[in-house]
N, C-alpha and C. Protein backbone atom coordinates (compact mmCIF):
# COMPACT_ATOMS: atom_id res chain seq x y z
N MET A 1 0.85 -1.17 0.00
CA MET A 1 0.00 0.00 0.00
C MET A 1 0.90 1.23 0.00
N GLU A 2 0.28 2.35 -0.32
CA GLU A 2 1.05 3.58 -0.46
C GLU A 2 0.23 4.77 0.02
N ILE A 3 0.92 5.75 0.59
CA ILE A 3 0.28 7.00 1.01
C ILE A 3 1.25 8.14 0.69
N ILE A 4 0.69 9.28 0.29
CA ILE A 4 1.49 10.45 -0.03
C ILE A 4 1.02 11.61 0.84
N GLY A 5 1.96 12.34 1.41
CA GLY A 5 1.59 13.47 2.25
C GLY A 5 2.80 14.14 2.85
N THR A 6 2.56 14.87 3.93
CA THR A 6 3.59 15.64 4.62
C THR A 6 3.79 15.10 6.02
N ILE A 7 5.05 14.94 6.42
CA ILE A 7 5.35 14.54 7.80
C ILE A 7 5.04 15.74 8.70
N ILE A 8 4.11 15.55 9.64
CA ILE A 8 3.75 16.66 10.53
C ILE A 8 4.28 16.47 11.94
N GLN A 9 4.72 15.25 12.27
CA GLN A 9 5.27 15.01 13.60
C GLN A 9 6.18 13.79 13.56
N VAL A 10 7.30 13.89 14.28
CA VAL A 10 8.21 12.77 14.47
C VAL A 10 8.19 12.45 15.96
N LEU A 11 7.73 11.25 16.30
CA LEU A 11 7.62 10.86 17.71
C LEU A 11 8.98 10.37 18.21
N PRO A 12 9.17 10.30 19.53
CA PRO A 12 10.46 9.90 20.08
C PRO A 12 10.89 8.50 19.62
N LEU A 13 12.19 8.35 19.43
CA LEU A 13 12.78 7.07 19.06
C LEU A 13 12.63 6.09 20.22
N VAL A 14 12.22 4.86 19.91
CA VAL A 14 12.07 3.82 20.92
C VAL A 14 13.13 2.76 20.64
N THR A 15 13.87 2.37 21.67
CA THR A 15 14.90 1.34 21.52
C THR A 15 14.69 0.26 22.56
N GLY A 16 15.29 -0.88 22.31
CA GLY A 16 15.19 -1.96 23.27
C GLY A 16 16.19 -3.06 22.97
N GLN A 17 16.17 -4.07 23.80
CA GLN A 17 17.06 -5.21 23.64
C GLN A 17 16.20 -6.45 23.52
N GLY A 18 16.34 -7.18 22.42
CA GLY A 18 15.60 -8.42 22.21
C GLY A 18 16.53 -9.60 22.20
N LYS A 19 15.99 -10.79 21.97
CA LYS A 19 16.82 -11.99 21.95
C LYS A 19 17.82 -11.99 20.79
N ASN A 20 17.53 -11.21 19.74
CA ASN A 20 18.44 -11.10 18.60
C ASN A 20 19.32 -9.86 18.66
N GLY A 21 19.30 -9.15 19.77
CA GLY A 21 20.13 -7.96 19.91
C GLY A 21 19.31 -6.70 20.02
N PRO A 22 19.96 -5.54 19.91
CA PRO A 22 19.25 -4.26 20.06
C PRO A 22 18.35 -3.97 18.86
N TRP A 23 17.27 -3.23 19.13
CA TRP A 23 16.36 -2.82 18.07
C TRP A 23 15.96 -1.37 18.30
N LYS A 24 15.44 -0.73 17.23
CA LYS A 24 14.91 0.63 17.38
C LYS A 24 13.73 0.81 16.44
N LYS A 25 12.84 1.70 16.85
CA LYS A 25 11.61 1.98 16.10
C LYS A 25 11.33 3.47 16.19
N GLN A 26 10.92 4.06 15.07
CA GLN A 26 10.57 5.48 15.03
C GLN A 26 9.18 5.61 14.44
N ASP A 27 8.28 6.33 15.14
CA ASP A 27 6.93 6.58 14.64
C ASP A 27 6.85 7.97 14.04
N TYR A 28 6.07 8.10 12.98
CA TYR A 28 5.87 9.36 12.28
C TYR A 28 4.38 9.56 12.03
N ILE A 29 3.96 10.83 12.00
CA ILE A 29 2.58 11.16 11.63
C ILE A 29 2.64 11.85 10.28
N ILE A 30 1.90 11.30 9.32
CA ILE A 30 1.82 11.88 7.98
C ILE A 30 0.40 12.40 7.77
N GLU A 31 0.29 13.54 7.09
CA GLU A 31 -1.02 14.11 6.78
C GLU A 31 -1.17 14.18 5.28
N THR A 32 -2.29 13.63 4.79
CA THR A 32 -2.55 13.64 3.36
C THR A 32 -3.15 14.98 2.96
N GLY A 33 -3.20 15.23 1.69
CA GLY A 33 -3.80 16.47 1.18
C GLY A 33 -5.26 16.24 0.83
N GLY A 34 -5.77 17.12 0.00
CA GLY A 34 -7.15 16.98 -0.46
C GLY A 34 -8.13 17.74 0.41
N GLN A 35 -9.40 17.60 0.05
CA GLN A 35 -10.45 18.31 0.76
C GLN A 35 -10.62 17.80 2.19
N TYR A 36 -10.41 16.50 2.40
CA TYR A 36 -10.56 15.90 3.73
C TYR A 36 -9.24 15.22 4.11
N PRO A 37 -8.25 15.99 4.58
CA PRO A 37 -6.95 15.41 4.92
C PRO A 37 -7.07 14.37 6.03
N LYS A 38 -6.26 13.34 5.93
CA LYS A 38 -6.21 12.29 6.94
C LYS A 38 -4.83 12.29 7.59
N LYS A 39 -4.79 11.91 8.86
CA LYS A 39 -3.52 11.75 9.56
C LYS A 39 -3.34 10.26 9.85
N VAL A 40 -2.14 9.77 9.55
CA VAL A 40 -1.84 8.34 9.74
C VAL A 40 -0.50 8.22 10.45
N CYS A 41 -0.46 7.38 11.47
CA CYS A 41 0.78 7.08 12.17
C CYS A 41 1.38 5.83 11.55
N PHE A 42 2.64 5.94 11.10
CA PHE A 42 3.35 4.77 10.59
C PHE A 42 4.70 4.70 11.27
N ASN A 43 5.36 3.54 11.16
CA ASN A 43 6.66 3.41 11.81
C ASN A 43 7.69 2.79 10.90
N LEU A 44 8.94 3.09 11.22
CA LEU A 44 10.11 2.51 10.57
C LEU A 44 10.88 1.75 11.63
N TRP A 45 11.45 0.62 11.25
CA TRP A 45 12.21 -0.22 12.17
C TRP A 45 13.66 -0.32 11.75
N GLY A 46 14.54 -0.50 12.72
CA GLY A 46 15.94 -0.81 12.49
C GLY A 46 16.69 0.24 11.69
N ASN A 47 17.50 -0.23 10.71
CA ASN A 47 18.34 0.69 9.94
C ASN A 47 17.54 1.59 9.01
N LYS A 48 16.27 1.29 8.77
CA LYS A 48 15.44 2.15 7.91
C LYS A 48 15.22 3.53 8.54
N VAL A 49 15.28 3.61 9.88
CA VAL A 49 15.15 4.90 10.57
C VAL A 49 16.25 5.85 10.09
N ASP A 50 17.48 5.36 10.05
CA ASP A 50 18.61 6.19 9.61
C ASP A 50 18.65 6.33 8.09
N GLU A 51 18.27 5.26 7.38
CA GLU A 51 18.32 5.27 5.92
C GLU A 51 17.43 6.36 5.33
N PHE A 52 16.21 6.49 5.81
CA PHE A 52 15.27 7.46 5.25
C PHE A 52 15.35 8.82 5.92
N ASN A 53 15.75 8.87 7.21
CA ASN A 53 15.97 10.13 7.93
C ASN A 53 14.88 11.17 7.67
N LEU A 54 13.63 10.80 7.95
CA LEU A 54 12.49 11.69 7.69
C LEU A 54 12.41 12.79 8.75
N GLN A 55 12.05 13.99 8.31
CA GLN A 55 11.94 15.15 9.18
C GLN A 55 10.57 15.81 9.01
N VAL A 56 10.17 16.61 9.99
CA VAL A 56 8.92 17.37 9.91
C VAL A 56 8.95 18.24 8.67
N ASN A 57 7.83 18.35 7.98
CA ASN A 57 7.60 19.11 6.75
C ASN A 57 8.13 18.43 5.49
N ASP A 58 8.71 17.24 5.59
CA ASP A 58 9.11 16.51 4.38
C ASP A 58 7.87 16.04 3.64
N GLN A 59 7.84 16.28 2.33
CA GLN A 59 6.80 15.73 1.46
C GLN A 59 7.27 14.34 1.07
N VAL A 60 6.49 13.29 1.38
CA VAL A 60 6.95 11.93 1.16
C VAL A 60 5.89 11.04 0.55
N LYS A 61 6.38 10.00 -0.11
CA LYS A 61 5.54 8.88 -0.57
C LYS A 61 6.04 7.68 0.22
N VAL A 62 5.15 7.08 1.01
CA VAL A 62 5.51 5.98 1.90
C VAL A 62 4.81 4.71 1.44
N GLN A 63 5.59 3.65 1.28
CA GLN A 63 5.02 2.34 0.98
C GLN A 63 5.09 1.50 2.24
N PHE A 64 4.00 0.82 2.56
CA PHE A 64 3.89 0.16 3.85
C PHE A 64 3.03 -1.08 3.79
N ASP A 65 3.10 -1.86 4.84
CA ASP A 65 2.23 -3.02 5.07
C ASP A 65 1.46 -2.76 6.36
N ILE A 66 0.24 -3.26 6.40
CA ILE A 66 -0.57 -3.15 7.61
C ILE A 66 -0.68 -4.54 8.22
N GLU A 67 -0.46 -4.60 9.53
CA GLU A 67 -0.53 -5.89 10.21
C GLU A 67 -1.22 -5.71 11.56
N SER A 68 -2.12 -6.62 11.89
CA SER A 68 -2.79 -6.60 13.19
C SER A 68 -2.45 -7.86 13.95
N ARG A 69 -2.42 -7.73 15.28
CA ARG A 69 -2.14 -8.89 16.13
C ARG A 69 -2.99 -8.78 17.38
N GLU A 70 -3.29 -9.93 17.97
CA GLU A 70 -4.11 -10.00 19.17
C GLU A 70 -3.23 -10.24 20.38
N PHE A 71 -3.52 -9.55 21.47
CA PHE A 71 -2.83 -9.75 22.73
C PHE A 71 -3.83 -9.57 23.85
N ASN A 72 -4.04 -10.60 24.63
CA ASN A 72 -4.97 -10.58 25.77
C ASN A 72 -6.37 -10.09 25.38
N GLY A 73 -6.86 -10.56 24.26
CA GLY A 73 -8.22 -10.23 23.83
C GLY A 73 -8.37 -8.88 23.16
N ARG A 74 -7.29 -8.14 22.98
CA ARG A 74 -7.34 -6.84 22.30
C ARG A 74 -6.52 -6.93 21.02
N TRP A 75 -6.92 -6.15 20.02
CA TRP A 75 -6.22 -6.15 18.74
C TRP A 75 -5.44 -4.86 18.57
N TYR A 76 -4.23 -5.00 18.05
CA TYR A 76 -3.33 -3.88 17.81
C TYR A 76 -2.91 -3.89 16.35
N THR A 77 -2.89 -2.73 15.71
CA THR A 77 -2.56 -2.62 14.30
C THR A 77 -1.32 -1.75 14.12
N ASP A 78 -0.39 -2.24 13.30
CA ASP A 78 0.82 -1.51 12.97
C ASP A 78 0.81 -1.17 11.49
N VAL A 79 1.24 0.04 11.16
CA VAL A 79 1.47 0.45 9.77
C VAL A 79 2.99 0.52 9.63
N LYS A 80 3.57 -0.56 9.08
CA LYS A 80 5.03 -0.68 9.00
C LYS A 80 5.52 -0.28 7.62
N ALA A 81 6.25 0.82 7.57
CA ALA A 81 6.78 1.31 6.29
C ALA A 81 8.02 0.51 5.91
N TRP A 82 8.15 0.22 4.63
CA TRP A 82 9.34 -0.46 4.14
C TRP A 82 10.08 0.38 3.10
N LYS A 83 9.45 1.49 2.69
CA LYS A 83 10.12 2.42 1.77
C LYS A 83 9.50 3.80 1.95
N ALA A 84 10.35 4.82 1.93
CA ALA A 84 9.88 6.20 2.01
C ALA A 84 10.75 7.03 1.09
N GLU A 85 10.11 7.78 0.20
CA GLU A 85 10.89 8.65 -0.68
C GLU A 85 10.32 10.05 -0.64
N ARG A 86 11.21 11.02 -0.60
CA ARG A 86 10.80 12.42 -0.59
C ARG A 86 10.28 12.78 -1.97
N THR A 87 9.22 13.60 -1.97
CA THR A 87 8.68 14.13 -3.22
C THR A 87 8.75 15.64 -3.14
N ASN A 88 8.78 16.30 -4.28
CA ASN A 88 8.74 17.75 -4.26
C ASN A 88 7.51 18.25 -4.99
N ALA A 89 6.52 17.37 -5.11
CA ALA A 89 5.27 17.74 -5.77
C ALA A 89 4.32 18.33 -4.74
N ALA A 90 4.15 19.63 -4.79
CA ALA A 90 3.20 20.30 -3.90
C ALA A 90 2.29 21.17 -4.76
N SER A 91 1.10 21.34 -4.30
CA SER A 91 0.16 22.15 -5.05
C SER A 91 0.52 23.63 -4.93
N ALA A 92 -0.10 24.46 -5.74
CA ALA A 92 0.18 25.89 -5.73
C ALA A 92 -0.17 26.52 -4.38
N SER A 93 -1.12 25.92 -3.67
CA SER A 93 -1.51 26.46 -2.37
C SER A 93 -0.54 26.07 -1.27
N GLY A 94 0.42 25.19 -1.60
CA GLY A 94 1.37 24.74 -0.59
C GLY A 94 0.86 23.58 0.23
N ALA A 95 -0.32 23.07 -0.10
CA ALA A 95 -0.89 21.94 0.62
C ALA A 95 -0.19 20.65 0.20
N PRO A 96 -0.20 19.64 1.04
CA PRO A 96 0.42 18.38 0.68
C PRO A 96 -0.24 17.78 -0.56
N PRO A 97 0.50 17.03 -1.36
CA PRO A 97 -0.05 16.44 -2.57
C PRO A 97 -0.91 15.23 -2.28
N ALA A 98 -1.85 14.97 -3.16
CA ALA A 98 -2.61 13.73 -3.26
C ALA A 98 -3.12 13.18 -1.96
N SER A 99 -3.42 11.88 -1.98
CA SER A 99 -3.96 11.19 -0.84
C SER A 99 -3.53 9.74 -0.93
N TYR A 100 -4.39 8.84 -0.53
CA TYR A 100 -4.09 7.42 -0.62
C TYR A 100 -4.00 6.99 -2.07
N SER A 101 -3.32 5.86 -2.33
CA SER A 101 -3.22 5.36 -3.68
C SER A 101 -4.54 4.77 -4.16
N ASP A 102 -5.41 4.39 -3.24
CA ASP A 102 -6.73 3.88 -3.59
C ASP A 102 -7.76 4.94 -3.22
N PRO A 103 -8.07 5.88 -4.15
CA PRO A 103 -8.95 6.99 -3.79
C PRO A 103 -10.37 6.54 -3.50
N MET A 104 -11.03 7.32 -2.68
CA MET A 104 -12.43 7.07 -2.37
C MET A 104 -13.28 7.42 -3.58
N PRO A 105 -14.40 6.73 -3.78
CA PRO A 105 -15.28 7.07 -4.90
C PRO A 105 -15.82 8.49 -4.76
N ASP A 106 -16.10 9.11 -5.89
CA ASP A 106 -16.64 10.47 -5.91
C ASP A 106 -18.17 10.38 -5.81
N TYR A 107 -18.69 10.52 -4.57
CA TYR A 107 -20.13 10.41 -4.36
C TYR A 107 -20.87 11.67 -4.79
N SER A 108 -20.15 12.72 -5.11
CA SER A 108 -20.81 13.94 -5.57
C SER A 108 -21.16 13.86 -7.06
N ALA A 109 -20.60 12.87 -7.76
CA ALA A 109 -20.90 12.71 -9.19
C ALA A 109 -22.31 12.16 -9.35
N PRO A 110 -22.97 12.49 -10.47
CA PRO A 110 -24.33 11.97 -10.68
C PRO A 110 -24.33 10.45 -10.69
N GLN A 111 -25.33 9.87 -10.05
CA GLN A 111 -25.44 8.43 -9.99
C GLN A 111 -26.21 7.92 -11.21
N ILE A 112 -25.83 6.75 -11.69
CA ILE A 112 -26.49 6.15 -12.85
C ILE A 112 -27.81 5.54 -12.40
N ASP A 113 -28.87 5.83 -13.14
CA ASP A 113 -30.17 5.28 -12.82
C ASP A 113 -30.21 3.83 -13.30
N ASP A 114 -30.44 2.90 -12.39
CA ASP A 114 -30.42 1.48 -12.77
C ASP A 114 -31.83 0.91 -12.93
N ASP A 115 -32.85 1.76 -12.99
CA ASP A 115 -34.24 1.36 -13.23
C ASP A 115 -34.81 0.43 -12.18
N LEU A 116 -34.29 0.45 -10.94
CA LEU A 116 -34.87 -0.33 -9.87
C LEU A 116 -36.02 0.46 -9.26
N PRO A 117 -37.10 -0.21 -8.85
CA PRO A 117 -38.27 0.50 -8.34
C PRO A 117 -38.07 1.07 -6.94
N PHE A 118 -36.97 0.86 -6.29
CA PHE A 118 -36.75 1.38 -4.94
C PHE A 118 -35.43 2.06 -4.83
């Protein structure tokens, strides 16, 4: 999956020690453009934190996987990025570009009459 927008917040780096050695995770908040902007929290793990070095106000295209897991009867969802590239495509108004790669249908467009009686 893919999302395009502007990094609006970089959360504190989280580190730890696991059975395979040290690990680190960085969370970011991205805001999409358009009439109804969305905010999405995604994270980078390990060396990808340093590789992409994302900062506030960066215009980026992020490719990610979504994964959910259950723990003690509750479900937790992670948006794990595996690629992030800076873009310099911004609209004339300075707003972030585009939105999700799978756009929502345009419900304001005229609907086709399908001749159903209800």
